[in-house]
Protein backbone atom coordinates (compact mmCIF):
# COMPACT_ATOMS: atom_id res chain seq x y z
CA MET A 1 75.05 53.10 -29.41
CA ILE A 2 76.51 53.99 -26.11
CA GLU A 3 79.57 56.05 -27.00
CA PRO A 4 78.41 59.67 -27.36
CA ALA A 5 77.36 61.71 -24.35
CA GLY A 6 74.08 63.26 -25.48
CA ARG A 7 73.29 66.96 -25.54
CA SER A 8 71.09 68.38 -22.84
CA ILE A 9 67.45 68.18 -23.89
CA GLY A 10 65.31 70.25 -21.57
CA ALA A 11 61.82 71.67 -21.47
CA GLY A 12 60.92 75.24 -22.28
CA TRP A 13 58.99 75.44 -25.54
CA PRO A 14 55.48 74.25 -24.54
CA ARG A 15 53.58 75.50 -27.58
CA ILE A 16 55.70 73.54 -30.05
CA TYR A 17 55.81 70.49 -27.78
CA ARG A 18 52.02 70.47 -27.43
CA ALA A 19 51.72 70.62 -31.21
CA VAL A 20 54.22 67.78 -31.64
CA LEU A 21 52.46 65.74 -28.97
CA SER A 22 49.12 66.17 -30.73
CA TYR A 23 50.59 64.66 -33.89
CA LEU A 24 52.13 61.74 -32.04
CA ASN A 25 48.82 60.79 -30.45
CA ILE A 26 46.43 61.23 -33.35
CA THR A 27 44.11 58.42 -34.35
CA PRO A 28 44.81 56.23 -37.39
CA ALA A 29 42.04 57.97 -39.33
CA VAL A 30 43.64 61.35 -38.79
CA GLN A 31 47.03 59.91 -39.72
CA ILE A 32 45.62 58.82 -43.07
CA SER A 33 44.26 62.27 -43.79
CA THR A 34 47.52 63.86 -42.62
CA ALA A 35 49.43 61.76 -45.15
CA GLN A 36 47.35 63.29 -47.90
CA LEU A 37 48.33 66.85 -47.01
CA GLU A 38 50.49 68.61 -49.56
CA GLY A 39 54.17 68.68 -48.78
CA LEU A 40 54.54 65.44 -46.84
CA PRO A 41 57.92 63.93 -47.83
CA GLN A 42 57.81 60.81 -49.97
CA ASP A 43 60.21 59.06 -47.57
CA CYS A 44 59.36 60.27 -44.06
CA GLU A 45 62.03 58.16 -42.38
CA ALA A 46 64.83 59.55 -44.54
CA TRP A 47 63.49 63.09 -44.08
CA LEU A 48 63.53 62.65 -40.30
CA SER A 49 67.12 61.47 -40.35
CA GLN A 50 68.09 64.56 -42.35
CA PHE A 51 66.06 66.75 -39.97
CA TRP A 52 68.01 65.51 -36.95
CA GLU A 53 71.24 65.91 -38.89
CA ARG A 54 70.42 69.56 -39.57
CA ALA A 55 69.50 70.03 -35.90
CA ASN A 56 72.88 68.68 -34.80
CA ASN A 57 74.73 70.82 -37.33
CA ALA A 58 73.03 73.91 -35.91
CA LYS A 59 75.21 73.67 -32.77
CA VAL A 60 72.34 74.71 -30.49
CA LYS A 61 70.33 72.67 -28.03
CA ILE A 62 67.53 70.65 -29.57
CA PRO A 63 64.68 72.63 -27.91
CA VAL A 64 66.16 75.85 -29.25
CA TYR A 65 66.39 74.40 -32.76
CA LEU A 66 62.78 73.20 -32.60
CA ALA A 67 61.58 76.63 -31.49
CA MET A 68 63.57 78.38 -34.22
CA HIS A 69 62.12 76.13 -36.94
CA PRO A 70 58.42 75.61 -36.10
CA GLN A 71 57.38 74.55 -39.62
CA SER A 72 60.12 71.93 -39.86
CA THR A 73 59.32 70.78 -36.33
CA LEU A 74 55.68 70.21 -37.20
CA MET A 75 56.72 68.43 -40.40
CA ALA A 76 58.93 66.20 -38.26
CA ALA A 77 55.92 65.42 -36.06
CA ARG A 78 53.88 64.49 -39.12
CA CYS A 79 56.70 62.26 -40.36
CA ILE A 80 56.99 60.57 -36.96
CA ALA A 81 53.27 59.82 -37.09
CA ARG A 82 53.82 58.13 -40.46
CA LEU A 83 56.69 55.89 -39.34
CA PRO A 84 56.09 52.13 -39.38
CA ARG A 85 55.19 50.91 -35.90
CA LEU A 86 56.72 47.65 -34.72
CA ASN A 87 55.33 45.52 -31.91
CA ALA A 88 57.77 44.51 -29.18
CA ARG A 89 56.36 41.63 -27.13
CA LEU A 90 58.45 41.44 -23.97
CA SER A 91 58.25 39.48 -20.74
CA HIS A 92 59.01 40.60 -17.19
CA ARG A 93 62.22 38.61 -17.18
CA PRO A 94 65.41 40.69 -16.72
CA GLU A 95 66.19 40.95 -20.46
CA GLY A 96 62.62 41.95 -21.34
CA GLU A 97 62.49 44.51 -18.55
CA LEU A 98 65.82 45.98 -19.68
CA ILE A 99 64.65 46.40 -23.27
CA ALA A 100 61.30 47.86 -22.18
CA LYS A 101 63.05 50.31 -19.85
CA ALA A 102 65.22 51.55 -22.70
CA LEU A 103 62.23 51.99 -25.00
CA ASN A 104 60.33 53.87 -22.28
CA THR A 105 63.19 56.30 -21.74
CA VAL A 106 62.04 59.91 -21.96
CA CYS A 107 64.47 61.30 -24.50
CA LEU A 108 63.06 64.48 -26.03
CA ALA A 109 62.05 67.61 -24.13
CA LYS A 110 61.45 65.51 -21.00
CA ILE A 111 58.10 64.57 -22.53
CA PHE A 112 58.45 62.02 -25.31
CA LYS A 113 59.43 58.37 -24.98
CA LEU A 114 61.95 56.79 -27.31
CA SER A 115 59.35 54.27 -28.50
CA ASP A 116 56.95 57.09 -29.48
CA THR A 117 59.32 59.49 -31.25
CA GLY A 118 61.14 56.73 -33.12
CA ALA A 119 64.15 54.60 -32.23
CA CYS A 120 67.05 53.50 -34.40
CA VAL A 121 66.26 49.89 -35.31
CA LEU A 122 68.21 47.40 -37.40
CA ASP A 123 66.11 44.61 -38.95
CA VAL A 124 67.88 41.29 -38.37
CA PRO A 125 67.38 38.78 -41.23
CA ALA A 126 66.17 35.23 -40.63
CA VAL A 127 69.17 33.93 -42.59
CA PRO A 128 72.37 35.27 -40.95
CA GLN A 129 74.36 35.54 -44.19
CA ASP A 130 71.68 37.72 -45.77
CA TYR A 131 72.71 40.69 -43.63
CA SER A 132 75.78 41.44 -45.75
CA LEU A 133 74.02 41.13 -49.12
CA GLY A 134 72.92 43.93 -51.43
CA SER A 135 74.30 47.17 -52.81
CA SER A 136 73.53 49.05 -49.57
CA LYS A 137 76.08 46.89 -47.75
CA GLN A 138 79.04 47.57 -50.08
CA THR A 139 80.83 49.69 -47.48
CA LEU A 140 80.18 47.08 -44.81
CA ARG A 141 81.67 44.30 -46.95
CA ARG A 142 84.72 46.41 -47.86
CA LYS A 143 85.42 47.33 -44.23
CA VAL A 144 84.93 43.74 -43.09
CA LYS A 145 87.51 42.54 -45.63
CA SER A 146 89.90 45.26 -44.47
CA ALA A 147 89.52 44.16 -40.85
CA GLU A 148 90.03 40.50 -41.73
CA LYS A 149 93.22 41.33 -43.68
CA LEU A 150 94.54 42.98 -40.51
CA GLY A 151 93.98 39.75 -38.61
CA ILE A 152 91.10 41.14 -36.54
CA SER A 153 88.73 38.50 -35.18
CA CYS A 154 85.63 38.48 -32.98
CA ARG A 155 84.55 36.11 -30.26
CA GLN A 156 81.94 35.89 -27.54
CA VAL A 157 83.05 36.52 -23.98
CA HIS A 158 81.13 34.48 -21.41
CA ASP A 159 83.60 34.51 -18.50
CA ARG A 160 82.56 37.15 -15.95
CA SER A 161 86.14 37.76 -14.80
CA GLU A 162 87.17 38.57 -18.37
CA GLN A 163 84.15 40.86 -18.69
CA VAL A 164 85.27 42.68 -15.52
CA GLU A 165 88.73 43.19 -17.03
CA LEU A 166 87.24 44.45 -20.29
CA VAL A 167 84.99 46.91 -18.44
CA ALA A 168 88.08 48.36 -16.77
CA VAL A 169 89.69 48.79 -20.20
CA LEU A 170 86.48 50.37 -21.50
CA ASP A 171 86.31 52.93 -18.67
CA ARG A 172 89.95 53.91 -19.19
CA ALA A 173 89.46 54.25 -22.96
CA ILE A 174 86.38 56.47 -22.64
CA ALA A 175 88.14 58.77 -20.19
CA VAL A 176 90.77 59.77 -22.79
CA LYS A 177 88.63 60.06 -25.94
CA SER A 178 89.72 63.10 -27.95
CA ASN A 179 86.15 63.97 -28.95
CA PRO A 180 84.24 65.44 -25.95
CA LEU A 181 81.03 63.88 -27.27
CA TYR A 182 82.56 60.46 -26.63
CA ARG A 183 84.61 61.29 -23.55
CA GLU A 184 83.36 60.27 -20.11
CA ARG A 185 85.58 60.65 -17.09
CA ASP A 186 85.19 58.50 -13.96
CA SER A 187 82.68 56.25 -15.70
CA ASP A 188 81.61 52.92 -14.24
CA HIS A 189 80.27 50.38 -16.71
CA SER A 190 80.34 47.47 -14.27
CA TYR A 191 76.57 47.10 -14.80
CA LEU A 192 77.41 45.55 -18.17
CA VAL A 193 79.02 42.50 -16.54
CA GLY A 194 76.74 39.51 -17.01
CA SER A 195 74.32 41.51 -19.15
CA GLY A 196 73.30 39.81 -22.37
CA LEU A 197 75.53 38.69 -25.21
CA TRP A 198 79.11 39.97 -25.03
CA THR A 199 81.00 40.04 -28.34
CA VAL A 200 84.45 41.58 -28.64
CA ALA A 201 86.72 42.35 -31.58
CA PHE A 202 90.39 41.53 -30.95
CA ALA A 203 93.58 42.46 -32.80
CA GLN A 204 95.88 39.70 -33.98
CA SER A 205 97.99 40.39 -30.88
CA GLY A 206 95.01 39.69 -28.63
CA GLU A 207 94.40 43.34 -27.75
CA PRO A 208 90.66 44.14 -27.39
CA LEU A 209 89.51 46.72 -29.93
CA VAL A 210 85.73 47.09 -29.73
CA ILE A 211 83.13 45.80 -27.24
CA ALA A 212 79.46 45.07 -27.99
CA VAL A 213 76.88 44.09 -25.38
CA THR A 214 73.45 43.05 -26.63
CA PRO A 215 70.83 41.68 -24.20
CA HIS A 216 68.03 39.95 -26.10
CA GLU A 217 64.66 38.34 -25.59
CA GLY A 218 62.47 36.77 -28.25
CA GLU A 219 62.63 38.83 -31.44
CA TRP A 220 64.20 41.88 -29.79
CA ALA A 221 67.74 42.81 -28.81
CA LEU A 222 69.14 45.98 -27.25
CA LEU A 223 72.39 47.60 -28.32
CA GLN A 224 73.32 48.35 -24.72
CA ALA A 225 76.95 49.07 -25.51
CA PHE A 226 79.10 49.40 -28.63
CA VAL A 227 82.38 51.06 -27.74
CA SER A 228 85.72 51.40 -29.53
CA LEU A 229 88.65 51.10 -27.11
CA GLY A 230 90.73 53.64 -28.99
CA GLU A 231 90.74 55.80 -32.10
CA THR A 232 92.97 54.03 -34.62
CA GLN A 233 91.91 53.06 -38.15
CA HIS A 234 92.01 49.33 -37.43
CA ARG A 235 89.57 49.90 -34.56
CA SER A 236 87.31 51.72 -37.00
CA ASP A 237 87.39 48.76 -39.39
CA ALA A 238 86.83 46.41 -36.46
CA ARG A 239 83.48 48.09 -35.76
CA TYR A 240 82.10 46.87 -39.08
CA LEU A 241 83.34 43.33 -38.58
CA LEU A 242 81.96 43.25 -35.04
CA THR A 243 78.57 44.51 -36.23
CA LYS A 244 78.39 41.76 -38.84
CA VAL A 245 79.30 39.09 -36.30
CA VAL A 246 76.80 40.39 -33.72
CA VAL A 247 73.91 40.63 -36.20
CA GLU A 248 74.58 37.16 -37.57
CA ARG A 249 74.71 35.75 -34.04
CA LEU A 250 71.44 37.46 -33.10
CA ALA A 251 69.86 36.03 -36.25
CA VAL A 252 70.77 32.54 -35.08
CA GLU A 253 69.11 33.34 -31.72
CA GLY A 254 65.86 34.25 -33.50
CA VAL A 255 66.18 38.01 -32.99
CA ARG A 256 64.55 40.14 -35.70
CA HIS A 257 65.10 43.68 -34.40
CA LEU A 258 68.15 45.29 -32.81
CA VAL A 259 67.34 48.65 -31.22
CA ASP A 260 69.74 51.36 -30.09
CA THR A 261 69.36 52.96 -26.67
CA ARG A 262 69.75 56.49 -28.02
CA SER A 263 67.19 58.69 -29.74
CA PRO A 264 67.95 59.80 -33.33
CA SER A 265 67.87 63.37 -31.99
CA GLN A 266 70.82 62.59 -29.70
CA LEU A 267 73.15 60.95 -32.22
CA PRO A 268 76.22 62.85 -33.43
CA ASN A 269 76.09 62.97 -37.21
CA GLY A 270 79.16 60.77 -37.66
CA LEU A 271 77.52 58.03 -35.64
CA ARG A 272 74.23 58.61 -37.48
CA HIS A 273 76.01 58.05 -40.82
CA PHE A 274 77.70 54.91 -39.48
CA GLN A 275 74.39 53.49 -38.28
CA ARG A 276 72.64 54.08 -41.60
CA ILE A 277 75.46 52.29 -43.45
CA LEU A 278 74.82 49.33 -41.16
CA GLY A 279 71.08 49.40 -41.88
CA PHE A 280 69.58 51.18 -38.87
CA ARG A 281 66.33 53.03 -39.62
CA ILE A 282 63.95 55.08 -37.47
CA ARG A 283 60.87 53.15 -36.30
CA ARG A 284 58.16 53.68 -33.71
CA ILE A 285 57.67 50.79 -31.32
CA ARG A 286 54.62 49.56 -29.43
CA ILE A 287 55.56 47.67 -26.26
CA LEU A 288 53.38 44.64 -25.55
CA GLN A 289 54.54 43.25 -22.22
CA GLU A 290 53.25 39.90 -21.02
CA ILE A 291 51.19 39.91 -17.85
């Protein structure tokens, strides 16, 4: 999700990075033997999420945390190597290029690509209504009901002039965020105009509350933007309703995977918790672009 401004992730710890890189590029045969080593977590994906949570709680830059905890860092590399790998078949059309560019972003230590270290991916069901089912979605359903009781609704925005107006609102809202992780002064999000599927949550009065922009191609969609235009409780509830609407719409379009633009290592823990409630999980991705 686009809101937080990520922490600086620089180079400077080559020994650890080389060790991590060796794990990320090992052959399948070595991966199998690695999985048999004593101490590998039963759920590598969940362990990784907790690892990045601890790293963010440490209040130091990510490279410093990795250097201070070499054993945990190597365990993280082993867990990354064990993550399920999804295939993203993308064309050279604008939407496909945009998704591929995001997945090829170098996001960790100026060495590792998002697709290699693991991206936050939400699996989109074939049946739209299935997204809200199950015990894991109890919070989602409760928040959606709360938003609906407040008269909040969501609709797609196709008109470019309305998108331009909403971008102006977005830039003003980000500039005054109370949390510095979310604040961005003098921002210009005009590049979002005309990009992908625009879905916006509105208050009963017609005031825009949350904006989502999701370009998509084939089975893949990119969470290019997901921004609350304020910090009130009803905007918080609106995020859940908007997510449900967006995922169900993507399901209708044949999308099966919604990927965030930000690395799990860059997510503030509040946003990490929100994403996991919604169903995002860390996955490696292999890009298969058409010739």
